[in-house]
Amino acid sequence: MSMATLAQIDLMREGALFGLPMPLTLRPPNAMSDEELIAFSRRNRPYRIERNAKGELEIMSPTGSTGSYYEAYVIKALGVWAEEHGGMYFSSNGGFTLPDSAMRSPDASWIDQARWEQLSDADQARYAPLCPDFLIEIVSESDSRARLEEKMEMWIANGARLAWMIDPFAAELLIYRPGQLAERLVRPDLVEADAVVPGFRLETSRLWAK
C-alpha cells in the first residue's frame, strides 16, 4: 500500500479520495476514534476503510463485480445457516473494534447470540467492540495474498475461533484455528465447518476462477 501525504490527508477528511492510488495507507496526525472513523467512512463511500493496530487507515477500492458475487454468495450461505441455527451474521459493511484497537471488516462473519446480546444497544450500533467467532475473507483482484494471510493470523490473535481465507485465483481455501497451523485445501468442492459453526457447509466449486 502507498502512504498518503499530509496534504492528501486534509483532502481525504473532506471526502476527496477519488483519483488517489489504491490500496492506500493513511497515517493521520492523531488516531481517529470510532465515531470519527464512521463519519470519515461515510464521506468517502464506496471505499472500504479499516484501521490497523497502529492507528493507520487502510483504504481499499470497491470490490469488482466478480468479487462482489463471491462475497454475496458466501454471505448468503452463512445467513441461511444462521437463520436456522442462531447467532448474528454480518456482511463486509460490518466493522468490529478488536482487542488490539484495530477496526476490521471481514467479508462475512458470525457471532454467537449470547456474546452479541451482552453488548449495549450503543455498542451494537457502532463498530461492535469484539471479534467475530467465525469469519471468511476472500482474496480480491487488488489484494496481496501475503498481507491477507497476515490479516488472518491477526483475526486469530484477536480471538476468532475459526477463520477461512478463500483464494479464487489459486483455487485454495485456508482454514485458521487458534494454536494450529493453517490447513490448506486445494480446489475443494465442499467445505464443512467444525464445532464453532456446526453444520455450516459451503459449496466452494463455483468460487474457483476459470
N, C-alpha and C. Protein backbone atom coordinates (compact mmCIF):
# COMPACT_ATOMS: atom_id res chain seq x y z
N MET A 1 0.84 -1.19 0.00
CA MET A 1 0.00 0.00 0.00
C MET A 1 0.87 1.24 0.00
N SER A 2 0.46 2.27 -0.76
CA SER A 2 1.17 3.53 -0.75
C SER A 2 0.75 4.34 0.47
N MET A 3 1.62 5.29 0.91
CA MET A 3 1.36 6.10 2.09
C MET A 3 0.95 7.50 1.67
N ALA A 4 -0.10 8.03 2.27
CA ALA A 4 -0.61 9.35 1.92
C ALA A 4 0.26 10.45 2.52
N THR A 5 0.30 11.60 1.86
CA THR A 5 0.96 12.79 2.40
C THR A 5 -0.01 13.54 3.29
N LEU A 6 0.50 14.48 4.08
CA LEU A 6 -0.37 15.28 4.94
C LEU A 6 -1.37 16.08 4.12
N ALA A 7 -0.96 16.58 2.96
CA ALA A 7 -1.87 17.34 2.11
C ALA A 7 -3.03 16.45 1.65
N GLN A 8 -2.71 15.21 1.30
CA GLN A 8 -3.76 14.28 0.87
C GLN A 8 -4.69 13.96 2.03
N ILE A 9 -4.13 13.87 3.24
CA ILE A 9 -4.96 13.60 4.41
C ILE A 9 -6.01 14.68 4.59
N ASP A 10 -5.60 15.95 4.43
CA ASP A 10 -6.54 17.04 4.57
C ASP A 10 -7.67 16.93 3.55
N LEU A 11 -7.32 16.56 2.30
CA LEU A 11 -8.34 16.40 1.27
C LEU A 11 -9.27 15.23 1.60
N MET A 12 -8.69 14.14 2.10
CA MET A 12 -9.49 12.97 2.40
C MET A 12 -10.50 13.25 3.50
N ARG A 13 -10.12 14.08 4.45
CA ARG A 13 -11.05 14.40 5.53
C ARG A 13 -12.28 15.14 4.98
N GLU A 14 -12.15 15.70 3.79
CA GLU A 14 -13.28 16.36 3.16
C GLU A 14 -13.95 15.44 2.13
N GLY A 15 -13.49 14.19 2.06
CA GLY A 15 -14.12 13.23 1.17
C GLY A 15 -13.61 13.29 -0.24
N ALA A 16 -12.28 13.36 -0.43
CA ALA A 16 -11.71 13.50 -1.77
C ALA A 16 -10.73 12.38 -2.06
N LEU A 17 -11.19 11.14 -1.99
CA LEU A 17 -10.31 10.02 -2.27
C LEU A 17 -10.20 9.72 -3.75
N PHE A 18 -11.13 10.21 -4.56
CA PHE A 18 -11.15 9.87 -5.97
C PHE A 18 -9.84 10.29 -6.65
N GLY A 19 -9.27 9.38 -7.43
CA GLY A 19 -8.06 9.68 -8.18
C GLY A 19 -6.78 9.30 -7.48
N LEU A 20 -6.85 8.93 -6.20
CA LEU A 20 -5.64 8.53 -5.48
C LEU A 20 -5.38 7.04 -5.72
N PRO A 21 -4.10 6.64 -5.72
CA PRO A 21 -3.78 5.22 -5.99
C PRO A 21 -4.24 4.33 -4.85
N MET A 22 -4.89 3.21 -5.20
CA MET A 22 -5.39 2.26 -4.22
C MET A 22 -4.70 0.91 -4.41
N PRO A 23 -4.52 0.15 -3.32
CA PRO A 23 -4.87 0.49 -1.93
C PRO A 23 -3.92 1.52 -1.35
N LEU A 24 -4.37 2.22 -0.32
CA LEU A 24 -3.65 3.37 0.24
C LEU A 24 -3.64 3.27 1.76
N THR A 25 -2.49 3.58 2.37
CA THR A 25 -2.40 3.65 3.83
C THR A 25 -2.33 5.11 4.23
N LEU A 26 -3.19 5.50 5.14
CA LEU A 26 -3.28 6.88 5.61
C LEU A 26 -2.87 6.92 7.07
N ARG A 27 -1.91 7.77 7.40
CA ARG A 27 -1.46 7.90 8.79
C ARG A 27 -1.88 9.27 9.31
N PRO A 28 -3.03 9.37 9.94
CA PRO A 28 -3.48 10.67 10.45
C PRO A 28 -2.55 11.18 11.54
N PRO A 29 -2.45 12.52 11.72
CA PRO A 29 -1.62 13.06 12.80
C PRO A 29 -2.05 12.53 14.16
N ASN A 30 -3.37 12.34 14.33
CA ASN A 30 -3.93 11.77 15.56
C ASN A 30 -4.86 10.62 15.18
N ALA A 31 -4.76 9.54 15.92
CA ALA A 31 -5.60 8.38 15.61
C ALA A 31 -7.07 8.76 15.70
N MET A 32 -7.86 8.30 14.73
CA MET A 32 -9.28 8.58 14.72
C MET A 32 -10.02 7.69 15.73
N SER A 33 -10.97 8.28 16.42
CA SER A 33 -11.85 7.49 17.26
C SER A 33 -12.81 6.72 16.37
N ASP A 34 -13.56 5.79 16.96
CA ASP A 34 -14.53 5.05 16.17
C ASP A 34 -15.56 5.99 15.55
N GLU A 35 -16.00 6.98 16.31
CA GLU A 35 -17.00 7.92 15.81
C GLU A 35 -16.45 8.73 14.64
N GLU A 36 -15.19 9.17 14.75
CA GLU A 36 -14.57 9.92 13.65
C GLU A 36 -14.39 9.03 12.43
N LEU A 37 -14.05 7.77 12.66
CA LEU A 37 -13.83 6.86 11.54
C LEU A 37 -15.15 6.55 10.83
N ILE A 38 -16.23 6.42 11.59
CA ILE A 38 -17.54 6.21 10.98
C ILE A 38 -17.89 7.39 10.08
N ALA A 39 -17.70 8.60 10.58
CA ALA A 39 -18.01 9.80 9.80
C ALA A 39 -17.12 9.90 8.57
N PHE A 40 -15.84 9.58 8.73
CA PHE A 40 -14.89 9.63 7.62
C PHE A 40 -15.27 8.62 6.54
N SER A 41 -15.65 7.43 6.96
CA SER A 41 -16.04 6.38 6.01
C SER A 41 -17.30 6.78 5.24
N ARG A 42 -18.24 7.42 5.92
CA ARG A 42 -19.46 7.85 5.24
C ARG A 42 -19.15 8.91 4.18
N ARG A 43 -18.20 9.80 4.47
CA ARG A 43 -17.85 10.84 3.50
C ARG A 43 -17.11 10.26 2.29
N ASN A 44 -16.55 9.08 2.47
CA ASN A 44 -15.71 8.50 1.41
C ASN A 44 -16.27 7.20 0.85
N ARG A 45 -17.58 7.05 0.88
CA ARG A 45 -18.20 5.91 0.20
C ARG A 45 -17.96 6.00 -1.29
N PRO A 46 -17.74 4.87 -1.99
CA PRO A 46 -17.90 3.48 -1.56
C PRO A 46 -16.59 2.82 -1.15
N TYR A 47 -15.53 3.60 -0.85
CA TYR A 47 -14.26 2.99 -0.49
C TYR A 47 -14.40 2.20 0.81
N ARG A 48 -13.62 1.15 0.92
CA ARG A 48 -13.61 0.32 2.14
C ARG A 48 -12.44 0.76 3.00
N ILE A 49 -12.72 1.12 4.23
CA ILE A 49 -11.70 1.72 5.10
C ILE A 49 -11.63 0.95 6.41
N GLU A 50 -10.43 0.53 6.77
CA GLU A 50 -10.19 -0.14 8.04
C GLU A 50 -9.08 0.59 8.79
N ARG A 51 -9.02 0.39 10.10
CA ARG A 51 -7.96 0.97 10.93
C ARG A 51 -7.13 -0.16 11.51
N ASN A 52 -5.81 -0.09 11.31
CA ASN A 52 -4.96 -1.14 11.86
C ASN A 52 -4.57 -0.82 13.30
N ALA A 53 -3.82 -1.72 13.93
CA ALA A 53 -3.50 -1.58 15.35
C ALA A 53 -2.59 -0.38 15.62
N LYS A 54 -1.93 0.17 14.59
CA LYS A 54 -1.08 1.34 14.76
C LYS A 54 -1.84 2.64 14.56
N GLY A 55 -3.13 2.55 14.30
CA GLY A 55 -3.94 3.75 14.09
C GLY A 55 -3.95 4.23 12.65
N GLU A 56 -3.27 3.52 11.75
CA GLU A 56 -3.27 3.88 10.34
C GLU A 56 -4.57 3.42 9.69
N LEU A 57 -5.01 4.16 8.69
CA LEU A 57 -6.19 3.78 7.93
C LEU A 57 -5.75 3.08 6.65
N GLU A 58 -6.33 1.94 6.39
CA GLU A 58 -6.06 1.18 5.17
C GLU A 58 -7.28 1.32 4.27
N ILE A 59 -7.08 1.96 3.12
CA ILE A 59 -8.18 2.34 2.25
C ILE A 59 -8.11 1.51 0.98
N MET A 60 -9.22 0.87 0.65
CA MET A 60 -9.27 -0.04 -0.50
C MET A 60 -10.40 0.36 -1.42
N SER A 61 -10.20 0.14 -2.71
CA SER A 61 -11.24 0.44 -3.69
C SER A 61 -12.37 -0.56 -3.57
N PRO A 62 -13.56 -0.22 -4.09
CA PRO A 62 -14.69 -1.17 -4.04
C PRO A 62 -14.35 -2.46 -4.78
N THR A 63 -14.96 -3.54 -4.35
CA THR A 63 -14.75 -4.84 -4.98
C THR A 63 -15.36 -4.86 -6.38
N GLY A 64 -14.68 -5.53 -7.31
CA GLY A 64 -15.21 -5.68 -8.66
C GLY A 64 -16.44 -6.57 -8.67
N SER A 65 -17.09 -6.66 -9.80
CA SER A 65 -18.35 -7.39 -9.89
C SER A 65 -18.20 -8.87 -9.54
N THR A 66 -17.15 -9.51 -10.05
CA THR A 66 -16.96 -10.93 -9.73
C THR A 66 -16.69 -11.12 -8.25
N GLY A 67 -15.84 -10.28 -7.70
CA GLY A 67 -15.55 -10.37 -6.27
C GLY A 67 -16.78 -10.10 -5.43
N SER A 68 -17.62 -9.18 -5.88
CA SER A 68 -18.86 -8.89 -5.16
C SER A 68 -19.79 -10.09 -5.18
N TYR A 69 -19.83 -10.80 -6.30
CA TYR A 69 -20.64 -12.03 -6.39
C TYR A 69 -20.14 -13.07 -5.39
N TYR A 70 -18.82 -13.30 -5.37
CA TYR A 70 -18.26 -14.27 -4.43
C TYR A 70 -18.66 -13.92 -2.99
N GLU A 71 -18.51 -12.64 -2.68
CA GLU A 71 -18.83 -12.18 -1.33
C GLU A 71 -20.30 -12.40 -1.00
N ALA A 72 -21.18 -12.02 -1.93
CA ALA A 72 -22.62 -12.18 -1.71
C ALA A 72 -22.99 -13.65 -1.56
N TYR A 73 -22.36 -14.50 -2.34
CA TYR A 73 -22.65 -15.93 -2.28
C TYR A 73 -22.30 -16.50 -0.90
N VAL A 74 -21.15 -16.10 -0.39
CA VAL A 74 -20.70 -16.60 0.92
C VAL A 74 -21.59 -16.06 2.03
N ILE A 75 -21.93 -14.78 1.97
CA ILE A 75 -22.79 -14.19 2.99
C ILE A 75 -24.16 -14.86 2.99
N LYS A 76 -24.70 -15.11 1.81
CA LYS A 76 -26.00 -15.77 1.73
C LYS A 76 -25.96 -17.15 2.38
N ALA A 77 -24.92 -17.93 2.07
CA ALA A 77 -24.81 -19.27 2.64
C ALA A 77 -24.71 -19.21 4.16
N LEU A 78 -23.90 -18.28 4.67
CA LEU A 78 -23.76 -18.14 6.12
C LEU A 78 -25.07 -17.67 6.74
N GLY A 79 -25.76 -16.78 6.05
CA GLY A 79 -27.03 -16.28 6.57
C GLY A 79 -28.09 -17.37 6.66
N VAL A 80 -28.17 -18.21 5.64
CA VAL A 80 -29.14 -19.31 5.67
C VAL A 80 -28.87 -20.22 6.86
N TRP A 81 -27.60 -20.53 7.09
CA TRP A 81 -27.24 -21.37 8.24
C TRP A 81 -27.60 -20.68 9.55
N ALA A 82 -27.28 -19.39 9.69
CA ALA A 82 -27.52 -18.67 10.93
C ALA A 82 -29.01 -18.53 11.23
N GLU A 83 -29.83 -18.35 10.20
CA GLU A 83 -31.26 -18.24 10.43
C GLU A 83 -31.82 -19.53 11.05
N GLU A 84 -31.20 -20.65 10.74
CA GLU A 84 -31.66 -21.92 11.30
C GLU A 84 -31.03 -22.23 12.64
N HIS A 85 -29.75 -21.88 12.80
CA HIS A 85 -29.01 -22.30 13.98
C HIS A 85 -28.80 -21.18 15.00
N GLY A 86 -29.05 -19.95 14.63
CA GLY A 86 -28.91 -18.85 15.58
C GLY A 86 -27.61 -18.08 15.42
N GLY A 87 -27.52 -16.99 16.16
CA GLY A 87 -26.35 -16.12 16.08
C GLY A 87 -26.57 -15.00 15.09
N MET A 88 -25.64 -14.06 15.07
CA MET A 88 -25.72 -12.89 14.21
C MET A 88 -24.69 -13.00 13.09
N TYR A 89 -25.11 -12.74 11.85
CA TYR A 89 -24.17 -12.77 10.73
C TYR A 89 -24.08 -11.39 10.10
N PHE A 90 -22.94 -11.10 9.49
CA PHE A 90 -22.65 -9.75 9.03
C PHE A 90 -21.98 -9.77 7.66
N SER A 91 -22.21 -8.71 6.90
CA SER A 91 -21.56 -8.51 5.60
C SER A 91 -20.26 -7.74 5.80
N SER A 92 -19.60 -7.43 4.70
CA SER A 92 -18.33 -6.70 4.77
C SER A 92 -18.52 -5.25 5.21
N ASN A 93 -19.75 -4.76 5.28
CA ASN A 93 -20.01 -3.41 5.79
C ASN A 93 -20.00 -3.36 7.31
N GLY A 94 -19.96 -4.53 7.95
CA GLY A 94 -19.96 -4.56 9.40
C GLY A 94 -18.55 -4.51 9.96
N GLY A 95 -18.24 -3.46 10.71
CA GLY A 95 -16.90 -3.30 11.28
C GLY A 95 -16.87 -3.70 12.75
N PHE A 96 -15.71 -4.16 13.22
CA PHE A 96 -15.53 -4.58 14.60
C PHE A 96 -14.26 -3.94 15.17
N THR A 97 -14.38 -3.36 16.37
CA THR A 97 -13.21 -2.84 17.06
C THR A 97 -12.62 -3.98 17.89
N LEU A 98 -11.40 -4.36 17.58
CA LEU A 98 -10.78 -5.56 18.14
C LEU A 98 -9.99 -5.24 19.41
N PRO A 99 -9.61 -6.25 20.18
CA PRO A 99 -8.82 -6.01 21.39
C PRO A 99 -7.53 -5.24 21.15
N ASP A 100 -6.92 -5.36 19.96
CA ASP A 100 -5.67 -4.63 19.69
C ASP A 100 -5.93 -3.20 19.21
N SER A 101 -7.20 -2.74 19.25
CA SER A 101 -7.66 -1.39 18.87
C SER A 101 -7.88 -1.22 17.37
N ALA A 102 -7.55 -2.24 16.57
CA ALA A 102 -7.83 -2.16 15.13
C ALA A 102 -9.33 -2.21 14.89
N MET A 103 -9.78 -1.64 13.77
CA MET A 103 -11.16 -1.80 13.33
C MET A 103 -11.09 -2.51 11.99
N ARG A 104 -11.68 -3.70 11.94
CA ARG A 104 -11.61 -4.51 10.74
C ARG A 104 -13.01 -4.94 10.31
N SER A 105 -13.12 -5.21 8.99
CA SER A 105 -14.40 -5.60 8.41
C SER A 105 -14.20 -6.84 7.54
N PRO A 106 -14.44 -8.03 8.08
CA PRO A 106 -14.28 -9.24 7.25
C PRO A 106 -15.36 -9.31 6.19
N ASP A 107 -15.14 -10.11 5.17
CA ASP A 107 -16.11 -10.22 4.08
C ASP A 107 -17.41 -10.85 4.55
N ALA A 108 -17.35 -11.79 5.47
CA ALA A 108 -18.53 -12.39 6.08
C ALA A 108 -18.13 -12.83 7.47
N SER A 109 -19.06 -12.73 8.42
CA SER A 109 -18.70 -13.09 9.80
C SER A 109 -19.94 -13.48 10.59
N TRP A 110 -19.69 -14.16 11.71
CA TRP A 110 -20.77 -14.65 12.56
C TRP A 110 -20.34 -14.52 14.02
N ILE A 111 -21.31 -14.15 14.87
CA ILE A 111 -21.08 -14.01 16.31
C ILE A 111 -22.15 -14.78 17.06
N ASP A 112 -21.74 -15.51 18.07
CA ASP A 112 -22.67 -16.23 18.92
C ASP A 112 -23.69 -15.26 19.52
N GLN A 113 -24.95 -15.67 19.56
CA GLN A 113 -26.03 -14.79 20.01
C GLN A 113 -25.81 -14.29 21.43
N ALA A 114 -25.35 -15.15 22.32
CA ALA A 114 -25.15 -14.75 23.71
C ALA A 114 -24.09 -13.64 23.82
N ARG A 115 -23.02 -13.74 23.04
CA ARG A 115 -21.98 -12.70 23.07
C ARG A 115 -22.55 -11.39 22.54
N TRP A 116 -23.34 -11.48 21.47
CA TRP A 116 -23.92 -10.27 20.89
C TRP A 116 -24.85 -9.58 21.87
N GLU A 117 -25.65 -10.34 22.58
CA GLU A 117 -26.63 -9.76 23.49
C GLU A 117 -25.99 -9.17 24.74
N GLN A 118 -24.73 -9.48 24.99
CA GLN A 118 -24.03 -8.86 26.12
C GLN A 118 -23.64 -7.41 25.82
N LEU A 119 -23.68 -7.03 24.55
CA LEU A 119 -23.34 -5.66 24.17
C LEU A 119 -24.53 -4.73 24.41
N SER A 120 -24.23 -3.47 24.69
CA SER A 120 -25.28 -2.47 24.81
C SER A 120 -25.82 -2.13 23.43
N ASP A 121 -26.99 -1.50 23.38
CA ASP A 121 -27.55 -1.07 22.10
C ASP A 121 -26.59 -0.12 21.40
N ALA A 122 -25.92 0.74 22.15
CA ALA A 122 -24.97 1.70 21.56
C ALA A 122 -23.79 0.98 20.93
N ASP A 123 -23.28 -0.06 21.61
CA ASP A 123 -22.14 -0.80 21.06
C ASP A 123 -22.55 -1.61 19.83
N GLN A 124 -23.77 -2.11 19.82
CA GLN A 124 -24.24 -2.84 18.65
C GLN A 124 -24.40 -1.92 17.44
N ALA A 125 -24.71 -0.66 17.69
CA ALA A 125 -24.97 0.28 16.59
C ALA A 125 -23.69 0.82 15.97
N ARG A 126 -22.57 0.76 16.70
CA ARG A 126 -21.31 1.28 16.13
C ARG A 126 -20.43 0.10 15.72
N TYR A 127 -19.10 0.30 15.71
CA TYR A 127 -18.20 -0.82 15.45
C TYR A 127 -18.19 -1.68 16.72
N ALA A 128 -18.88 -2.80 16.67
CA ALA A 128 -19.03 -3.63 17.87
C ALA A 128 -17.67 -3.97 18.46
N PRO A 129 -17.48 -3.77 19.77
CA PRO A 129 -16.16 -3.99 20.40
C PRO A 129 -15.93 -5.46 20.75
N LEU A 130 -15.81 -6.27 19.74
CA LEU A 130 -15.49 -7.69 19.93
C LEU A 130 -15.01 -8.27 18.61
N CYS A 131 -14.47 -9.47 18.68
CA CYS A 131 -14.00 -10.16 17.48
C CYS A 131 -15.02 -11.23 17.10
N PRO A 132 -15.36 -11.37 15.84
CA PRO A 132 -16.28 -12.44 15.44
C PRO A 132 -15.75 -13.81 15.84
N ASP A 133 -16.68 -14.72 16.11
CA ASP A 133 -16.30 -16.09 16.41
C ASP A 133 -15.82 -16.81 15.15
N PHE A 134 -16.48 -16.52 14.03
CA PHE A 134 -16.17 -17.16 12.76
C PHE A 134 -16.20 -16.09 11.67
N LEU A 135 -15.27 -16.17 10.75
CA LEU A 135 -15.25 -15.18 9.67
C LEU A 135 -14.65 -15.79 8.41
N ILE A 136 -14.96 -15.14 7.30
CA ILE A 136 -14.44 -15.55 5.99
C ILE A 136 -13.90 -14.31 5.28
N GLU A 137 -12.71 -14.42 4.74
CA GLU A 137 -12.11 -13.39 3.91
C GLU A 137 -11.87 -13.99 2.52
N ILE A 138 -12.09 -13.17 1.48
CA ILE A 138 -11.93 -13.62 0.09
C ILE A 138 -10.87 -12.76 -0.59
N VAL A 139 -9.89 -13.38 -1.19
CA VAL A 139 -8.85 -12.65 -1.91
C VAL A 139 -9.47 -11.98 -3.14
N SER A 140 -9.26 -10.68 -3.29
CA SER A 140 -9.78 -9.94 -4.44
C SER A 140 -8.65 -9.65 -5.42
N GLU A 141 -9.02 -9.04 -6.54
CA GLU A 141 -8.03 -8.73 -7.58
C GLU A 141 -6.93 -7.80 -7.07
N SER A 142 -7.29 -6.90 -6.16
CA SER A 142 -6.33 -5.90 -5.68
C SER A 142 -5.62 -6.31 -4.40
N ASP A 143 -5.97 -7.48 -3.83
CA ASP A 143 -5.37 -7.91 -2.57
C ASP A 143 -3.97 -8.48 -2.77
N SER A 144 -3.14 -8.27 -1.78
CA SER A 144 -1.89 -9.02 -1.66
C SER A 144 -2.18 -10.25 -0.82
N ARG A 145 -1.95 -11.42 -1.39
CA ARG A 145 -2.25 -12.64 -0.64
C ARG A 145 -1.44 -12.69 0.65
N ALA A 146 -0.18 -12.28 0.59
CA ALA A 146 0.66 -12.33 1.79
C ALA A 146 0.09 -11.43 2.88
N ARG A 147 -0.39 -10.26 2.51
CA ARG A 147 -0.98 -9.35 3.51
C ARG A 147 -2.27 -9.94 4.08
N LEU A 148 -3.04 -10.61 3.24
CA LEU A 148 -4.29 -11.19 3.73
C LEU A 148 -4.00 -12.37 4.66
N GLU A 149 -2.95 -13.13 4.37
CA GLU A 149 -2.57 -14.22 5.28
C GLU A 149 -2.17 -13.65 6.64
N GLU A 150 -1.46 -12.53 6.64
CA GLU A 150 -1.11 -11.87 7.90
C GLU A 150 -2.37 -11.42 8.63
N LYS A 151 -3.33 -10.93 7.87
CA LYS A 151 -4.59 -10.48 8.46
C LYS A 151 -5.33 -11.65 9.10
N MET A 152 -5.28 -12.82 8.48
CA MET A 152 -5.94 -13.98 9.06
C MET A 152 -5.32 -14.34 10.41
N GLU A 153 -4.01 -14.26 10.50
CA GLU A 153 -3.35 -14.51 11.78
C GLU A 153 -3.76 -13.46 12.81
N MET A 154 -3.95 -12.22 12.36
CA MET A 154 -4.42 -11.15 13.23
C MET A 154 -5.79 -11.47 13.80
N TRP A 155 -6.69 -11.99 12.95
CA TRP A 155 -8.03 -12.35 13.43
C TRP A 155 -7.94 -13.38 14.55
N ILE A 156 -7.13 -14.41 14.34
CA ILE A 156 -6.98 -15.46 15.35
C ILE A 156 -6.38 -14.88 16.63
N ALA A 157 -5.38 -14.03 16.50
CA ALA A 157 -4.74 -13.43 17.67
C ALA A 157 -5.71 -12.56 18.47
N ASN A 158 -6.72 -12.03 17.80
CA ASN A 158 -7.69 -11.17 18.48
C ASN A 158 -8.91 -11.93 19.00
N GLY A 159 -8.95 -13.24 18.82
CA GLY A 159 -10.00 -14.01 19.44
C GLY A 159 -10.91 -14.79 18.53
N ALA A 160 -10.73 -14.72 17.21
CA ALA A 160 -11.56 -15.53 16.32
C ALA A 160 -11.30 -17.02 16.61
N ARG A 161 -12.35 -17.80 16.63
CA ARG A 161 -12.22 -19.24 16.92
C ARG A 161 -12.07 -20.07 15.65
N LEU A 162 -12.47 -19.49 14.52
CA LEU A 162 -12.34 -20.18 13.23
C LEU A 162 -12.36 -19.12 12.14
N ALA A 163 -11.46 -19.24 11.16
CA ALA A 163 -11.41 -18.26 10.08
C ALA A 163 -11.02 -18.96 8.79
N TRP A 164 -11.71 -18.61 7.71
CA TRP A 164 -11.42 -19.16 6.39
C TRP A 164 -10.93 -18.06 5.47
N MET A 165 -9.89 -18.36 4.72
CA MET A 165 -9.44 -17.46 3.66
C MET A 165 -9.64 -18.17 2.34
N ILE A 166 -10.41 -17.58 1.45
CA ILE A 166 -10.71 -18.16 0.14
C ILE A 166 -9.93 -17.41 -0.93
N ASP A 167 -9.16 -18.13 -1.72
CA ASP A 167 -8.40 -17.54 -2.83
C ASP A 167 -8.97 -18.10 -4.13
N PRO A 168 -9.86 -17.35 -4.80
CA PRO A 168 -10.47 -17.86 -6.04
C PRO A 168 -9.46 -18.06 -7.16
N PHE A 169 -8.37 -17.32 -7.14
CA PHE A 169 -7.40 -17.36 -8.24
C PHE A 169 -6.51 -18.59 -8.15
N ALA A 170 -6.13 -18.97 -6.94
CA ALA A 170 -5.33 -20.18 -6.73
C ALA A 170 -6.21 -21.39 -6.47
N ALA A 171 -7.54 -21.19 -6.37
CA ALA A 171 -8.49 -22.26 -6.06
C ALA A 171 -8.11 -22.96 -4.77
N GLU A 172 -7.86 -22.15 -3.74
CA GLU A 172 -7.47 -22.69 -2.44
C GLU A 172 -8.34 -22.09 -1.33
N LEU A 173 -8.49 -22.87 -0.27
CA LEU A 173 -9.14 -22.40 0.94
C LEU A 173 -8.24 -22.74 2.12
N LEU A 174 -7.91 -21.73 2.92
CA LEU A 174 -7.08 -21.94 4.10
C LEU A 174 -7.94 -21.81 5.34
N ILE A 175 -7.78 -22.76 6.26
CA ILE A 175 -8.55 -22.79 7.50
C ILE A 175 -7.63 -22.46 8.66
N TYR A 176 -8.01 -21.43 9.42
CA TYR A 176 -7.21 -20.97 10.55
C TYR A 176 -7.96 -21.27 11.85
N ARG A 177 -7.22 -21.86 12.81
CA ARG A 177 -7.75 -22.15 14.12
C ARG A 177 -6.72 -21.75 15.17
N PRO A 178 -7.15 -21.35 16.37
CA PRO A 178 -6.18 -20.97 17.41
C PRO A 178 -5.22 -22.10 17.75
N GLY A 179 -3.95 -21.79 17.84
CA GLY A 179 -2.95 -22.74 18.27
C GLY A 179 -2.59 -23.80 17.24
N GLN A 180 -3.03 -23.62 15.98
CA GLN A 180 -2.73 -24.61 14.94
C GLN A 180 -2.20 -23.91 13.69
N LEU A 181 -1.44 -24.67 12.90
CA LEU A 181 -1.04 -24.17 11.60
C LEU A 181 -2.24 -24.13 10.67
N ALA A 182 -2.21 -23.22 9.72
CA ALA A 182 -3.32 -23.12 8.76
C ALA A 182 -3.42 -24.41 7.95
N GLU A 183 -4.64 -24.86 7.74
CA GLU A 183 -4.91 -26.04 6.92
C GLU A 183 -5.24 -25.58 5.50
N ARG A 184 -4.57 -26.13 4.51
CA ARG A 184 -4.72 -25.70 3.12
C ARG A 184 -5.47 -26.76 2.32
N LEU A 185 -6.58 -26.34 1.71
CA LEU A 185 -7.34 -27.23 0.84
C LEU A 185 -7.24 -26.71 -0.59
N VAL A 186 -6.98 -27.59 -1.54
CA VAL A 186 -6.82 -27.22 -2.94
C VAL A 186 -8.06 -27.64 -3.72
N ARG A 187 -8.73 -26.65 -4.31
CA ARG A 187 -9.91 -26.83 -5.14
C ARG A 187 -10.95 -27.79 -4.52
N PRO A 188 -11.32 -27.56 -3.27
CA PRO A 188 -12.37 -28.42 -2.70
C PRO A 188 -13.73 -28.08 -3.32
N ASP A 189 -14.57 -29.07 -3.45
CA ASP A 189 -15.93 -28.85 -3.94
C ASP A 189 -16.85 -28.40 -2.81
N LEU A 190 -16.52 -28.81 -1.59
CA LEU A 190 -17.37 -28.52 -0.44
C LEU A 190 -16.49 -28.44 0.81
N VAL A 191 -16.78 -27.46 1.67
CA VAL A 191 -16.07 -27.34 2.94
C VAL A 191 -17.10 -27.26 4.06
N GLU A 192 -16.88 -28.05 5.10
CA GLU A 192 -17.79 -28.07 6.25
C GLU A 192 -17.04 -27.57 7.47
N ALA A 193 -17.68 -26.67 8.22
CA ALA A 193 -17.04 -26.08 9.39
C ALA A 193 -17.09 -27.05 10.56
N ASP A 194 -16.32 -26.70 11.62
CA ASP A 194 -16.27 -27.56 12.80
C ASP A 194 -17.24 -27.05 13.86
N ALA A 195 -16.96 -27.33 15.12
CA ALA A 195 -17.90 -27.07 16.20
C ALA A 195 -18.22 -25.60 16.42
N VAL A 196 -17.42 -24.68 15.91
CA VAL A 196 -17.71 -23.26 16.10
C VAL A 196 -19.03 -22.90 15.42
N VAL A 197 -19.20 -23.35 14.20
CA VAL A 197 -20.46 -23.17 13.46
C VAL A 197 -20.87 -24.55 12.93
N PRO A 198 -21.33 -25.43 13.82
CA PRO A 198 -21.56 -26.83 13.45
C PRO A 198 -22.62 -26.97 12.35
N GLY A 199 -22.25 -27.73 11.34
CA GLY A 199 -23.17 -27.99 10.25
C GLY A 199 -23.12 -26.98 9.13
N PHE A 200 -22.34 -25.91 9.28
CA PHE A 200 -22.24 -24.95 8.18
C PHE A 200 -21.42 -25.56 7.06
N ARG A 201 -22.01 -25.60 5.88
CA ARG A 201 -21.35 -26.17 4.70
C ARG A 201 -21.36 -25.13 3.58
N LEU A 202 -20.23 -25.02 2.91
CA LEU A 202 -20.11 -24.08 1.80
C LEU A 202 -19.69 -24.83 0.55
N GLU A 203 -20.54 -24.79 -0.47
CA GLU A 203 -20.16 -25.37 -1.75
C GLU A 203 -19.21 -24.40 -2.44
N THR A 204 -17.96 -24.76 -2.52
CA THR A 204 -16.93 -23.85 -2.99
C THR A 204 -16.59 -24.00 -4.46
N SER A 205 -17.13 -24.99 -5.13
CA SER A 205 -16.74 -25.25 -6.52
C SER A 205 -17.03 -24.05 -7.41
N ARG A 206 -18.09 -23.30 -7.15
CA ARG A 206 -18.42 -22.16 -8.00
C ARG A 206 -17.57 -20.92 -7.71
N LEU A 207 -16.70 -21.01 -6.70
CA LEU A 207 -15.85 -19.86 -6.35
C LEU A 207 -14.51 -19.87 -7.07
N TRP A 208 -14.17 -20.96 -7.71
CA TRP A 208 -12.85 -21.06 -8.32
C TRP A 208 -12.85 -20.41 -9.70
N ALA A 209 -11.98 -19.42 -9.85
CA ALA A 209 -11.88 -18.70 -11.11
C ALA A 209 -11.48 -19.66 -12.23
N LYS A 210 -12.09 -19.48 -13.37
CA LYS A 210 -11.78 -20.35 -14.52
C LYS A 210 -10.49 -19.90 -15.19
